[in-house]
Each structure stands twice: as C-alpha cells, then as structure tokens.
C-alpha cells in the first residue's frame, strides 16, 4: 500500500477546493493517473536532456508517451500506485543526476524530498 497515492489525491482535491474549483474527490482519483502520465513524459525529457541533449530528451519523452505497458497503467480510472510511482522514480533520478552534476545543496534537498515522496 502506497500512502502517497491517497495523500496526493487528497492534497490535489484540497488545493482545488481552496481555489474555488469545485471538484469531487472521485473525479480527482479518476484523472490522477493521466495527469501524472503527462508529468512522467516531462520528467523523462528533463532526465534525458540532463544526460544527453535536448533532441534525445524529446525522443525519450515521445517514447514514454506511447509505451503500451505504461499506457495500460495510466488510463483514466486506474487509481493505482504505478501512475504516480513511475513519475516519482523518473523525477528522483533526474534530481539525483542534477545534484551530482552541480554539487548544489538545493538540488540535493529536492532529490531527498522527491525520494521521500517516492518511498
């Protein structure tokens, strides 16, 4: 059981309600995986751009967007941890590479927070 899934859905629902966007928690849960699927493509682009170049990052983002194994885990209504976990894993990798390359404490703290969210 991944408690971050419920916390993420609840936090998004709370933020939307604070912004006077009336949405039911069920709708947040239904669209959580597709939203994080888009964020996974962005984090894949960032990671690959950091390791290679911008063209390779764009190609990698396109590949992750059409991989059938990931599409089956990120369809609307699939309220399971894979939709968020793959994004968290990719984003943690990106932040780790960024912190190692720059040596910045800021990126290291961001990486630690992302790792905590992933676990």
PDB file of N, CA and C in Angstrom:
ATOM      1  N   UNK A   1       0.850  -1.169   0.000  1.00  0.00           N
ATOM      2  CA  UNK A   1       0.000   0.000   0.000  1.00  0.00           C
ATOM      3  C   UNK A   1       0.898   1.235   0.000  1.00  0.00           C
ATOM      4  N   UNK A   2       0.611   2.120  -0.928  1.00  0.00           N
ATOM      5  CA  UNK A   2       1.376   3.354  -1.066  1.00  0.00           C
ATOM      6  C   UNK A   2       0.539   4.506  -0.528  1.00  0.00           C
ATOM      7  N   UNK A   3       0.841   5.007   0.666  1.00  0.00           N
ATOM      8  CA  UNK A   3       0.010   6.075   1.239  1.00  0.00           C
ATOM      9  C   UNK A   3       0.109   7.383   0.471  1.00  0.00           C
ATOM     10  N   UNK A   4       1.168   7.557  -0.304  1.00  0.00           N
ATOM     11  CA  UNK A   4       1.314   8.780  -1.081  1.00  0.00           C
ATOM     12  C   UNK A   4       0.227   8.958  -2.119  1.00  0.00           C
ATOM     13  N   UNK A   5      -0.375   7.856  -2.552  1.00  0.00           N
ATOM     14  CA  UNK A   5      -1.452   7.933  -3.538  1.00  0.00           C
ATOM     15  C   UNK A   5      -2.663   8.654  -2.956  1.00  0.00           C
ATOM     16  N   UNK A   6      -3.072   8.247  -1.771  1.00  0.00           N
ATOM     17  CA  UNK A   6      -4.227   8.883  -1.139  1.00  0.00           C
ATOM     18  C   UNK A   6      -3.913  10.307  -0.696  1.00  0.00           C
ATOM     19  N   UNK A   7      -2.699  10.516  -0.208  1.00  0.00           N
ATOM     20  CA  UNK A   7      -2.298  11.858   0.216  1.00  0.00           C
ATOM     21  C   UNK A   7      -2.262  12.801  -0.979  1.00  0.00           C
ATOM     22  N   UNK A   8      -1.732  12.325  -2.109  1.00  0.00           N
ATOM     23  CA  UNK A   8      -1.670  13.155  -3.314  1.00  0.00           C
ATOM     24  C   UNK A   8      -3.065  13.512  -3.807  1.00  0.00           C
ATOM     25  N   UNK A   9      -3.953  12.526  -3.859  1.00  0.00           N
ATOM     26  CA  UNK A   9      -5.322  12.798  -4.303  1.00  0.00           C
ATOM     27  C   UNK A   9      -6.019  13.764  -3.353  1.00  0.00           C
ATOM     28  N   UNK A  10      -5.853  13.554  -2.064  1.00  0.00           N
ATOM     29  CA  UNK A  10      -6.470  14.452  -1.089  1.00  0.00           C
ATOM     30  C   UNK A  10      -5.910  15.858  -1.154  1.00  0.00           C
ATOM     31  N   UNK A  11      -4.596  15.971  -1.352  1.00  0.00           N
ATOM     32  CA  UNK A  11      -3.964  17.288  -1.440  1.00  0.00           C
ATOM     33  C   UNK A  11      -4.418  18.042  -2.693  1.00  0.00           C
ATOM     34  N   UNK A  12      -4.496  17.347  -3.820  1.00  0.00           N
ATOM     35  CA  UNK A  12      -4.974  17.992  -5.050  1.00  0.00           C
ATOM     36  C   UNK A  12      -6.424  18.435  -4.876  1.00  0.00           C
ATOM     37  N   UNK A  13      -7.245  17.583  -4.266  1.00  0.00           N
ATOM     38  CA  UNK A  13      -8.646  17.939  -4.025  1.00  0.00           C
ATOM     39  C   UNK A  13      -8.745  19.160  -3.115  1.00  0.00           C
ATOM     40  N   UNK A  14      -7.939  19.197  -2.070  1.00  0.00           N
ATOM     41  CA  UNK A  14      -7.953  20.325  -1.136  1.00  0.00           C
ATOM     42  C   UNK A  14      -7.505  21.612  -1.815  1.00  0.00           C
ATOM     43  N   UNK A  15      -6.438  21.543  -2.614  1.00  0.00           N
ATOM     44  CA  UNK A  15      -5.934  22.737  -3.314  1.00  0.00           C
ATOM     45  C   UNK A  15      -6.973  23.257  -4.297  1.00  0.00           C
ATOM     46  N   UNK A  16      -7.606  22.358  -5.043  1.00  0.00           N
ATOM     47  CA  UNK A  16      -8.631  22.799  -5.994  1.00  0.00           C
ATOM     48  C   UNK A  16      -9.812  23.440  -5.275  1.00  0.00           C
ATOM     49  N   UNK A  17     -10.212  22.885  -4.143  1.00  0.00           N
ATOM     50  CA  UNK A  17     -11.307  23.492  -3.382  1.00  0.00           C
ATOM     51  C   UNK A  17     -10.913  24.837  -2.794  1.00  0.00           C
ATOM     52  N   UNK A  18      -9.656  24.999  -2.393  1.00  0.00           N
ATOM     53  CA  UNK A  18      -9.192  26.290  -1.884  1.00  0.00           C
ATOM     54  C   UNK A  18      -9.178  27.349  -2.985  1.00  0.00           C
ATOM     55  N   UNK A  19      -9.003  26.910  -4.226  1.00  0.00           N
ATOM     56  CA  UNK A  19      -9.027  27.827  -5.370  1.00  0.00           C
ATOM     57  C   UNK A  19     -10.439  28.008  -5.927  1.00  0.00           C
ATOM     58  N   UNK A  20     -11.442  27.537  -5.177  1.00  0.00           N
ATOM     59  CA  UNK A  20     -12.857  27.612  -5.567  1.00  0.00           C
ATOM     60  C   UNK A  20     -13.148  26.872  -6.862  1.00  0.00           C
ATOM     61  N   UNK A  21     -12.410  25.813  -7.113  1.00  0.00           N
ATOM     62  CA  UNK A  21     -12.704  24.916  -8.228  1.00  0.00           C
ATOM     63  C   UNK A  21     -13.403  23.708  -7.613  1.00  0.00           C
ATOM     64  N   UNK A  22     -14.717  23.666  -7.754  1.00  0.00           N
ATOM     65  CA  UNK A  22     -15.488  22.601  -7.135  1.00  0.00           C
ATOM     66  C   UNK A  22     -15.322  21.323  -7.943  1.00  0.00           C
ATOM     67  N   UNK A  23     -14.721  20.342  -7.317  1.00  0.00           N
ATOM     68  CA  UNK A  23     -14.496  19.054  -7.966  1.00  0.00           C
ATOM     69  C   UNK A  23     -14.681  17.965  -6.915  1.00  0.00           C
ATOM     70  N   UNK A  24     -15.267  16.866  -7.325  1.00  0.00           N
ATOM     71  CA  UNK A  24     -15.493  15.748  -6.420  1.00  0.00           C
ATOM     72  C   UNK A  24     -14.201  14.946  -6.292  1.00  0.00           C
ATOM     73  N   UNK A  25     -13.987  14.368  -5.132  1.00  0.00           N
ATOM     74  CA  UNK A  25     -12.763  13.592  -4.901  1.00  0.00           C
ATOM     75  C   UNK A  25     -12.680  12.416  -5.867  1.00  0.00           C
ATOM     76  N   UNK A  26     -13.815  11.871  -6.267  1.00  0.00           N
ATOM     77  CA  UNK A  26     -13.836  10.768  -7.229  1.00  0.00           C
ATOM     78  C   UNK A  26     -13.244  11.204  -8.560  1.00  0.00           C
ATOM     79  N   UNK A  27     -13.560  12.430  -8.995  1.00  0.00           N
ATOM     80  CA  UNK A  27     -13.010  12.930 -10.253  1.00  0.00           C
ATOM     81  C   UNK A  27     -11.500  13.122 -10.165  1.00  0.00           C
ATOM     82  N   UNK A  28     -11.029  13.562  -9.020  1.00  0.00           N
ATOM     83  CA  UNK A  28      -9.582  13.699  -8.827  1.00  0.00           C
ATOM     84  C   UNK A  28      -8.920  12.333  -8.934  1.00  0.00           C
ATOM     85  N   UNK A  29      -9.521  11.331  -8.313  1.00  0.00           N
ATOM     86  CA  UNK A  29      -8.953   9.980  -8.356  1.00  0.00           C
ATOM     87  C   UNK A  29      -8.979   9.400  -9.763  1.00  0.00           C
ATOM     88  N   UNK A  30     -10.015   9.704 -10.531  1.00  0.00           N
ATOM     89  CA  UNK A  30     -10.122   9.180 -11.894  1.00  0.00           C
ATOM     90  C   UNK A  30      -9.041   9.763 -12.785  1.00  0.00           C
ATOM     91  N   UNK A  31      -8.784  11.052 -12.667  1.00  0.00           N
ATOM     92  CA  UNK A  31      -7.845  11.712 -13.577  1.00  0.00           C
ATOM     93  C   UNK A  31      -6.426  11.830 -13.026  1.00  0.00           C
ATOM     94  N   UNK A  32      -6.163  11.219 -11.891  1.00  0.00           N
ATOM     95  CA  UNK A  32      -4.831  11.313 -11.291  1.00  0.00           C
ATOM     96  C   UNK A  32      -3.767  10.622 -12.148  1.00  0.00           C
ATOM     97  N   UNK A  33      -4.029   9.417 -12.605  1.00  0.00           N
ATOM     98  CA  UNK A  33      -3.040   8.678 -13.402  1.00  0.00           C
ATOM     99  C   UNK A  33      -2.736   9.355 -14.741  1.00  0.00           C
ATOM    100  N   UNK A  34      -3.736   9.837 -15.500  1.00  0.00           N
ATOM    101  CA  UNK A  34      -3.385  10.529 -16.747  1.00  0.00           C
ATOM    102  C   UNK A  34      -2.594  11.819 -16.537  1.00  0.00           C
ATOM    103  N   UNK A  35      -2.885  12.545 -15.477  1.00  0.00           N
ATOM    104  CA  UNK A  35      -2.129  13.771 -15.198  1.00  0.00           C
ATOM    105  C   UNK A  35      -0.680  13.428 -14.883  1.00  0.00           C
ATOM    106  N   UNK A  36      -0.475  12.420 -14.059  1.00  0.00           N
ATOM    107  CA  UNK A  36       0.890  12.029 -13.729  1.00  0.00           C
ATOM    108  C   UNK A  36       1.588  11.356 -14.905  1.00  0.00           C
ATOM    109  N   UNK A  37       0.827  10.822 -15.834  1.00  0.00           N
ATOM    110  CA  UNK A  37       1.430  10.296 -17.054  1.00  0.00           C
ATOM    111  C   UNK A  37       2.062  11.416 -17.870  1.00  0.00           C
ATOM    112  N   UNK A  38       1.376  12.538 -17.958  1.00  0.00           N
ATOM    113  CA  UNK A  38       1.956  13.701 -18.633  1.00  0.00           C
ATOM    114  C   UNK A  38       3.176  14.232 -17.909  1.00  0.00           C
ATOM    115  N   UNK A  39       3.117  14.241 -16.578  1.00  0.00           N
ATOM    116  CA  UNK A  39       4.274  14.675 -15.799  1.00  0.00           C
ATOM    117  C   UNK A  39       5.451  13.713 -15.961  1.00  0.00           C
ATOM    118  N   UNK A  40       5.152  12.426 -16.187  1.00  0.00           N
ATOM    119  CA  UNK A  40       6.220  11.453 -16.426  1.00  0.00           C
ATOM    120  C   UNK A  40       6.931  11.747 -17.732  1.00  0.00           C
ATOM    121  N   UNK A  41       6.185  12.126 -18.755  1.00  0.00           N
ATOM    122  CA  UNK A  41       6.820  12.480 -20.028  1.00  0.00           C
ATOM    123  C   UNK A  41       7.731  13.694 -19.850  1.00  0.00           C
ATOM    124  N   UNK A  42       7.288  14.659 -19.060  1.00  0.00           N
ATOM    125  CA  UNK A  42       8.115  15.847 -18.812  1.00  0.00           C
ATOM    126  C   UNK A  42       9.369  15.477 -18.027  1.00  0.00           C
ATOM    127  N   UNK A  43       9.216  14.648 -16.998  1.00  0.00           N
ATOM    128  CA  UNK A  43      10.395  14.266 -16.209  1.00  0.00           C
ATOM    129  C   UNK A  43      11.346  13.387 -17.012  1.00  0.00           C
ATOM    130  N   UNK A  44      10.822  12.589 -17.931  1.00  0.00           N
ATOM    131  CA  UNK A  44      11.688  11.802 -18.814  1.00  0.00           C
ATOM    132  C   UNK A  44      12.473  12.716 -19.733  1.00  0.00           C
ATOM    133  N   UNK A  45      11.814  13.743 -20.247  1.00  0.00           N
ATOM    134  CA  UNK A  45      12.519  14.727 -21.071  1.00  0.00           C
ATOM    135  C   UNK A  45      13.635  15.399 -20.278  1.00  0.00           C
ATOM    136  N   UNK A  46      13.327  15.822 -19.058  1.00  0.00           N
ATOM    137  CA  UNK A  46      14.329  16.510 -18.235  1.00  0.00           C
ATOM    138  C   UNK A  46      15.518  15.605 -17.920  1.00  0.00           C
ATOM    139  N   UNK A  47      15.236  14.349 -17.576  1.00  0.00           N
ATOM    140  CA  UNK A  47      16.311  13.415 -17.247  1.00  0.00           C
ATOM    141  C   UNK A  47      17.192  13.147 -18.458  1.00  0.00           C
ATOM    142  N   UNK A  48      16.586  12.872 -19.595  1.00  0.00           N
ATOM    143  CA  UNK A  48      17.368  12.557 -20.790  1.00  0.00           C
ATOM    144  C   UNK A  48      18.110  13.781 -21.300  1.00  0.00           C
ATOM    145  N   UNK A  49      17.505  14.948 -21.193  1.00  0.00           N
ATOM    146  CA  UNK A  49      18.205  16.172 -21.585  1.00  0.00           C
ATOM    147  C   UNK A  49      19.422  16.412 -20.697  1.00  0.00           C
ATOM    148  N   UNK A  50      19.285  16.100 -19.421  1.00  0.00           N
ATOM    149  CA  UNK A  50      20.408  16.277 -18.498  1.00  0.00           C
ATOM    150  C   UNK A  50      21.540  15.300 -18.815  1.00  0.00           C
ATOM    151  N   UNK A  51      21.191  14.101 -19.257  1.00  0.00           N
ATOM    152  CA  UNK A  51      22.209  13.089 -19.541  1.00  0.00           C
ATOM    153  C   UNK A  51      22.798  13.204 -20.944  1.00  0.00           C
ATOM    154  N   UNK A  52      21.969  13.547 -21.945  1.00  0.00           N
ATOM    155  CA  UNK A  52      22.440  13.601 -23.333  1.00  0.00           C
ATOM    156  C   UNK A  52      22.292  15.001 -23.907  1.00  0.00           C
ATOM    157  N   UNK A  53      21.147  15.227 -24.573  1.00  0.00           N
ATOM    158  CA  UNK A  53      20.885  16.546 -25.153  1.00  0.00           C
ATOM    159  C   UNK A  53      19.382  16.723 -25.319  1.00  0.00           C
ATOM    160  N   UNK A  54      18.986  17.870 -25.837  1.00  0.00           N
ATOM    161  CA  UNK A  54      17.565  18.202 -25.925  1.00  0.00           C
ATOM    162  C   UNK A  54      16.821  17.311 -26.920  1.00  0.00           C
ATOM    163  N   UNK A  55      17.462  16.973 -28.033  1.00  0.00           N
ATOM    164  CA  UNK A  55      16.822  16.104 -29.020  1.00  0.00           C
ATOM    165  C   UNK A  55      16.553  14.715 -28.471  1.00  0.00           C
ATOM    166  N   UNK A  56      17.521  14.179 -27.747  1.00  0.00           N
ATOM    167  CA  UNK A  56      17.332  12.864 -27.131  1.00  0.00           C
ATOM    168  C   UNK A  56      16.239  12.920 -26.069  1.00  0.00           C
ATOM    169  N   UNK A  57      16.148  14.031 -25.353  1.00  0.00           N
ATOM    170  CA  UNK A  57      15.104  14.191 -24.350  1.00  0.00           C
ATOM    171  C   UNK A  57      13.718  14.200 -24.964  1.00  0.00           C
ATOM    172  N   UNK A  58      13.589  14.880 -26.084  1.00  0.00           N
ATOM    173  CA  UNK A  58      12.298  14.920 -26.774  1.00  0.00           C
ATOM    174  C   UNK A  58      11.915  13.542 -27.290  1.00  0.00           C
ATOM    175  N   UNK A  59      12.878  12.824 -27.832  1.00  0.00           N
ATOM    176  CA  UNK A  59      12.620  11.476 -28.331  1.00  0.00           C
ATOM    177  C   UNK A  59      12.230  10.536 -27.185  1.00  0.00           C
ATOM    178  N   UNK A  60      12.915  10.631 -26.065  1.00  0.00           N
ATOM    179  CA  UNK A  60      12.594   9.790 -24.908  1.00  0.00           C
ATOM    180  C   UNK A  60      11.205  10.106 -24.363  1.00  0.00           C
ATOM    181  N   UNK A  61      10.842  11.379 -24.339  1.00  0.00           N
ATOM    182  CA  UNK A  61       9.503  11.758 -23.870  1.00  0.00           C
ATOM    183  C   UNK A  61       8.432  11.216 -24.804  1.00  0.00           C
ATOM    184  N   UNK A  62       8.695  11.239 -26.098  1.00  0.00           N
ATOM    185  CA  UNK A  62       7.740  10.667 -27.057  1.00  0.00           C
ATOM    186  C   UNK A  62       7.615   9.162 -26.869  1.00  0.00           C
ATOM    187  N   UNK A  63       8.735   8.487 -26.609  1.00  0.00           N
ATOM    188  CA  UNK A  63       8.691   7.042 -26.400  1.00  0.00           C
ATOM    189  C   UNK A  63       7.915   6.675 -25.138  1.00  0.00           C
ATOM    190  N   UNK A  64       8.143   7.375 -24.050  1.00  0.00           N
ATOM    191  CA  UNK A  64       7.439   7.043 -22.809  1.00  0.00           C
ATOM    192  C   UNK A  64       5.945   7.336 -22.949  1.00  0.00           C
ATOM    193  N   UNK A  65       5.594   8.267 -23.823  1.00  0.00           N
ATOM    194  CA  UNK A  65       4.178   8.603 -24.019  1.00  0.00           C
ATOM    195  C   UNK A  65       3.432   7.526 -24.791  1.00  0.00           C
ATOM    196  N   UNK A  66       4.143   6.700 -25.562  1.00  0.00           N
ATOM    197  CA  UNK A  66       3.458   5.695 -26.382  1.00  0.00           C
ATOM    198  C   UNK A  66       3.784   4.258 -25.986  1.00  0.00           C
ATOM    199  N   UNK A  67       4.509   4.056 -24.914  1.00  0.00           N
ATOM    200  CA  UNK A  67       4.828   2.697 -24.466  1.00  0.00           C
ATOM    201  C   UNK A  67       3.544   2.024 -23.974  1.00  0.00           C
ATOM    202  N   UNK A  68       3.157   0.897 -24.578  1.00  0.00           N
ATOM    203  CA  UNK A  68       1.895   0.252 -24.179  1.00  0.00           C
ATOM    204  C   UNK A  68       1.852  -0.174 -22.711  1.00  0.00           C
ATOM    205  N   UNK A  69       2.960  -0.623 -22.175  1.00  0.00           N
ATOM    206  CA  UNK A  69       2.979  -1.041 -20.772  1.00  0.00           C
ATOM    207  C   UNK A  69       2.691   0.101 -19.817  1.00  0.00           C
ATOM    208  N   UNK A  70       3.122   1.299 -20.175  1.00  0.00           N
ATOM    209  CA  UNK A  70       2.854   2.450 -19.314  1.00  0.00           C
ATOM    210  C   UNK A  70       1.465   3.020 -19.572  1.00  0.00           C
ATOM    211  N   UNK A  71       1.019   2.966 -20.804  1.00  0.00           N
ATOM    212  CA  UNK A  71      -0.333   3.452 -21.110  1.00  0.00           C
ATOM    213  C   UNK A  71      -1.371   2.638 -20.339  1.00  0.00           C
ATOM    214  N   UNK A  72      -1.162   1.320 -20.237  1.00  0.00           N
ATOM    215  CA  UNK A  72      -2.134   0.482 -19.529  1.00  0.00           C
ATOM    216  C   UNK A  72      -2.183   0.794 -18.037  1.00  0.00           C
ATOM    217  N   UNK A  73      -1.139   1.397 -17.500  1.00  0.00           N
ATOM    218  CA  UNK A  73      -1.117   1.735 -16.081  1.00  0.00           C
ATOM    219  C   UNK A  73      -1.480   3.188 -15.812  1.00  0.00           C
ATOM    220  N   UNK A  74      -1.755   3.936 -16.852  1.00  0.00           N
ATOM    221  CA  UNK A  74      -2.035   5.358 -16.647  1.00  0.00           C
ATOM    222  C   UNK A  74      -3.318   5.811 -17.340  1.00  0.00           C
ATOM    223  N   UNK A  75      -4.265   4.908 -17.489  1.00  0.00           N
ATOM    224  CA  UNK A  75      -5.543   5.287 -18.087  1.00  0.00           C
ATOM    225  C   UNK A  75      -6.434   5.918 -17.017  1.00  0.00           C
ATOM    226  N   UNK A  76      -7.401   6.699 -17.462  1.00  0.00           N
ATOM    227  CA  UNK A  76      -8.323   7.339 -16.525  1.00  0.00           C
ATOM    228  C   UNK A  76      -9.118   6.270 -15.781  1.00  0.00           C
ATOM    229  N   UNK A  77      -9.229   6.444 -14.495  1.00  0.00           N
ATOM    230  CA  UNK A  77      -9.948   5.498 -13.659  1.00  0.00           C
ATOM    231  C   UNK A  77      -9.053   4.471 -13.003  1.00  0.00           C
ATOM    232  N   UNK A  78      -7.801   4.430 -13.386  1.00  0.00           N
ATOM    233  CA  UNK A  78      -6.853   3.486 -12.792  1.00  0.00           C
ATOM    234  C   UNK A  78      -6.224   4.137 -11.563  1.00  0.00           C
ATOM    235  N   UNK A  79      -6.873   3.976 -10.435  1.00  0.00           N
ATOM    236  CA  UNK A  79      -6.380   4.590  -9.192  1.00  0.00           C
ATOM    237  C   UNK A  79      -5.454   3.597  -8.506  1.00  0.00           C
ATOM    238  N   UNK A  80      -4.252   3.477  -9.051  1.00  0.00           N
ATOM    239  CA  UNK A  80      -3.253   2.566  -8.508  1.00  0.00           C
ATOM    240  C   UNK A  80      -1.934   3.310  -8.404  1.00  0.00           C
ATOM    241  N   UNK A  81      -1.003   2.742  -7.677  1.00  0.00           N
ATOM    242  CA  UNK A  81       0.218   3.481  -7.389  1.00  0.00           C
ATOM    243  C   UNK A  81       1.195   3.568  -8.555  1.00  0.00           C
ATOM    244  N   UNK A  82       1.051   2.738  -9.598  1.00  0.00           N
ATOM    245  CA  UNK A  82       2.009   2.791 -10.701  1.00  0.00           C
ATOM    246  C   UNK A  82       1.988   4.123 -11.432  1.00  0.00           C
ATOM    247  N   UNK A  83       0.828   4.728 -11.555  1.00  0.00           N
ATOM    248  CA  UNK A  83       0.736   6.003 -12.253  1.00  0.00           C
ATOM    249  C   UNK A  83       1.581   7.091 -11.612  1.00  0.00           C
ATOM    250  N   UNK A  84       1.637   7.088 -10.294  1.00  0.00           N
ATOM    251  CA  UNK A  84       2.428   8.085  -9.574  1.00  0.00           C
ATOM    252  C   UNK A  84       3.850   7.591  -9.344  1.00  0.00           C
ATOM    253  N   UNK A  85       4.005   6.293  -9.098  1.00  0.00           N
ATOM    254  CA  UNK A  85       5.320   5.753  -8.741  1.00  0.00           C
ATOM    255  C   UNK A  85       6.329   5.900  -9.878  1.00  0.00           C
ATOM    256  N   UNK A  86       5.899   5.699 -11.100  1.00  0.00           N
ATOM    257  CA  UNK A  86       6.826   5.811 -12.230  1.00  0.00           C
ATOM    258  C   UNK A  86       7.268   7.259 -12.397  1.00  0.00           C
ATOM    259  N   UNK A  87       6.332   8.193 -12.225  1.00  0.00           N
ATOM    260  CA  UNK A  87       6.715   9.604 -12.266  1.00  0.00           C
ATOM    261  C   UNK A  87       7.706   9.929 -11.151  1.00  0.00           C
ATOM    262  N   UNK A  88       7.409   9.483  -9.936  1.00  0.00           N
ATOM    263  CA  UNK A  88       8.282   9.790  -8.800  1.00  0.00           C
ATOM    264  C   UNK A  88       9.669   9.193  -8.999  1.00  0.00           C
ATOM    265  N   UNK A  89       9.734   8.004  -9.567  1.00  0.00           N
ATOM    266  CA  UNK A  89      11.021   7.363  -9.832  1.00  0.00           C
ATOM    267  C   UNK A  89      11.824   8.146 -10.859  1.00  0.00           C
ATOM    268  N   UNK A  90      11.182   8.519 -11.965  1.00  0.00           N
ATOM    269  CA  UNK A  90      11.863   9.290 -13.008  1.00  0.00           C
ATOM    270  C   UNK A  90      12.330  10.644 -12.480  1.00  0.00           C
ATOM    271  N   UNK A  91      11.467  11.308 -11.737  1.00  0.00           N
ATOM    272  CA  UNK A  91      11.804  12.635 -11.240  1.00  0.00           C
ATOM    273  C   UNK A  91      12.923  12.570 -10.201  1.00  0.00           C
ATOM    274  N   UNK A  92      12.920  11.517  -9.381  1.00  0.00           N
ATOM    275  CA  UNK A  92      14.003  11.338  -8.410  1.00  0.00           C
ATOM    276  C   UNK A  92      15.325  11.088  -9.116  1.00  0.00           C
ATOM    277  N   UNK A  93      15.303  10.281 -10.177  1.00  0.00           N
ATOM    278  CA  UNK A  93      16.519  10.071 -10.973  1.00  0.00           C
ATOM    279  C   UNK A  93      17.032  11.388 -11.538  1.00  0.00           C
ATOM    280  N   UNK A  94      16.123  12.188 -12.082  1.00  0.00           N
ATOM    281  CA  UNK A  94      16.526  13.478 -12.650  1.00  0.00           C
ATOM    282  C   UNK A  94      17.169  14.369 -11.588  1.00  0.00           C
ATOM    283  N   UNK A  95      16.524  14.475 -10.438  1.00  0.00           N
ATOM    284  CA  UNK A  95      17.062  15.334  -9.384  1.00  0.00           C
ATOM    285  C   UNK A  95      18.388  14.804  -8.846  1.00  0.00           C
ATOM    286  N   UNK A  96      18.554  13.484  -8.815  1.00  0.00           N
ATOM    287  CA  UNK A  96      19.818  12.922  -8.356  1.00  0.00           C
ATOM    288  C   UNK A  96      20.945  13.258  -9.330  1.00  0.00           C
ATOM    289  N   UNK A  97      20.687  13.078 -10.626  1.00  0.00           N
ATOM    290  CA  UNK A  97      21.703  13.413 -11.630  1.00  0.00           C
ATOM    291  C   UNK A  97      22.028  14.899 -11.572  1.00  0.00           C
ATOM    292  N   UNK A  98      21.003  15.726 -11.431  1.00  0.00           N
ATOM    293  CA  UNK A  98      21.208  17.172 -11.350  1.00  0.00           C
ATOM    294  C   UNK A  98      22.042  17.543 -10.121  1.00  0.00           C
ATOM    295  N   UNK A  99      21.760  16.912  -8.988  1.00  0.00           N
ATOM    296  CA  UNK A  99      22.514  17.242  -7.774  1.00  0.00           C
ATOM    297  C   UNK A  99      23.954  16.754  -7.853  1.00  0.00           C
ATOM    298  N   UNK A 100      24.187  15.620  -8.496  1.00  0.00           N
ATOM    299  CA  UNK A 100      25.555  15.119  -8.637  1.00  0.00           C
ATOM    300  C   UNK A 100      26.353  15.992  -9.603  1.00  0.00           C
ATOM    301  N   UNK A 101      25.718  16.406 -10.699  1.00  0.00           N
ATOM    302  CA  UNK A 101      26.426  17.218 -11.691  1.00  0.00           C
ATOM    303  C   UNK A 101      26.727  18.626 -11.189  1.00  0.00           C
ATOM    304  N   UNK A 102      25.797  19.212 -10.436  1.00  0.00           N
ATOM    305  CA  UNK A 102      26.006  20.592  -9.989  1.00  0.00           C
ATOM    306  C   UNK A 102      26.681  20.670  -8.627  1.00  0.00           C
ATOM    307  N   UNK A 103      26.482  19.666  -7.791  1.00  0.00           N
ATOM    308  CA  UNK A 103      27.023  19.712  -6.439  1.00  0.00           C
ATOM    309  C   UNK A 103      26.292  20.681  -5.532  1.00  0.00           C
ATOM    310  N   UNK A 104      25.104  21.093  -5.945  1.00  0.00           N
ATOM    311  CA  UNK A 104      24.334  22.083  -5.199  1.00  0.00           C
ATOM    312  C   UNK A 104      23.546  21.426  -4.065  1.00  0.00           C
ATOM    313  N   UNK A 105      23.504  22.095  -2.936  1.00  0.00           N
ATOM    314  CA  UNK A 105      22.732  21.606  -1.799  1.00  0.00           C
ATOM    315  C   UNK A 105      21.235  21.696  -2.102  1.00  0.00           C
ATOM    316  N   UNK A 106      20.833  22.712  -2.861  1.00  0.00           N
ATOM    317  CA  UNK A 106      19.426  22.876  -3.213  1.00  0.00           C
ATOM    318  C   UNK A 106      18.905  21.655  -3.966  1.00  0.00           C
ATOM    319  N   UNK A 107      19.642  21.205  -4.992  1.00  0.00           N
ATOM    320  CA  UNK A 107      19.204  20.048  -5.774  1.00  0.00           C
ATOM    321  C   UNK A 107      19.258  18.773  -4.946  1.00  0.00           C
ATOM    322  N   UNK A 108      20.195  18.700  -4.017  1.00  0.00           N
ATOM    323  CA  UNK A 108      20.285  17.535  -3.137  1.00  0.00           C
ATOM    324  C   UNK A 108      19.075  17.454  -2.216  1.00  0.00           C
ATOM    325  N   UNK A 109      18.656  18.581  -1.668  1.00  0.00           N
ATOM    326  CA  UNK A 109      17.471  18.600  -0.808  1.00  0.00           C
ATOM    327  C   UNK A 109      16.225  18.263  -1.620  1.00  0.00           C
ATOM    328  N   UNK A 110      16.126  18.796  -2.830  1.00  0.00           N
ATOM    329  CA  UNK A 110      14.995  18.460  -3.702  1.00  0.00           C
ATOM    330  C   UNK A 110      14.971  16.968  -4.009  1.00  0.00           C
ATOM    331  N   UNK A 111      16.149  16.390  -4.246  1.00  0.00           N
ATOM    332  CA  UNK A 111      16.246  14.957  -4.510  1.00  0.00           C
ATOM    333  C   UNK A 111      15.811  14.146  -3.292  1.00  0.00           C
ATOM    334  N   UNK A 112      16.219  14.572  -2.120  1.00  0.00           N
ATOM    335  CA  UNK A 112      15.824  13.876  -0.891  1.00  0.00           C
ATOM    336  C   UNK A 112      14.314  13.931  -0.681  1.00  0.00           C
ATOM    337  N   UNK A 113      13.716  15.077  -0.921  1.00  0.00           N
ATOM    338  CA  UNK A 113      12.262  15.206  -0.775  1.00  0.00           C
ATOM    339  C   UNK A 113      11.527  14.360  -1.807  1.00  0.00           C
ATOM    340  N   UNK A 114      12.041  14.333  -3.026  1.00  0.00           N
ATOM    341  CA  UNK A 114      11.433  13.513  -4.064  1.00  0.00           C
ATOM    342  C   UNK A 114      11.557  12.031  -3.731  1.00  0.00           C
ATOM    343  N   UNK A 115      12.697  11.638  -3.191  1.00  0.00           N
ATOM    344  CA  UNK A 115      12.889  10.244  -2.785  1.00  0.00           C
ATOM    345  C   UNK A 115      11.935   9.878  -1.651  1.00  0.00           C
ATOM    346  N   UNK A 116      11.765  10.778  -0.707  1.00  0.00           N
ATOM    347  CA  UNK A 116      10.825  10.545   0.394  1.00  0.00           C
ATOM    348  C   UNK A 116       9.404  10.381  -0.142  1.00  0.00           C
ATOM    349  N   UNK A 117       9.024  11.192  -1.120  1.00  0.00           N
ATOM    350  CA  UNK A 117       7.694  11.078  -1.723  1.00  0.00           C
ATOM    351  C   UNK A 117       7.556   9.753  -2.462  1.00  0.00           C
ATOM    352  N   UNK A 118       8.637   9.343  -3.140  1.00  0.00           N
ATOM    353  CA  UNK A 118       8.591   8.098  -3.899  1.00  0.00           C
ATOM    354  C   UNK A 118       8.428   6.898  -2.971  1.00  0.00           C
ATOM    355  N   UNK A 119       9.123   6.915  -1.859  1.00  0.00           N
ATOM    356  CA  UNK A 119       9.086   5.773  -0.941  1.00  0.00           C
ATOM    357  C   UNK A 119       7.809   5.828  -0.123  1.00  0.00           C
TER     358      UNK A 119
END
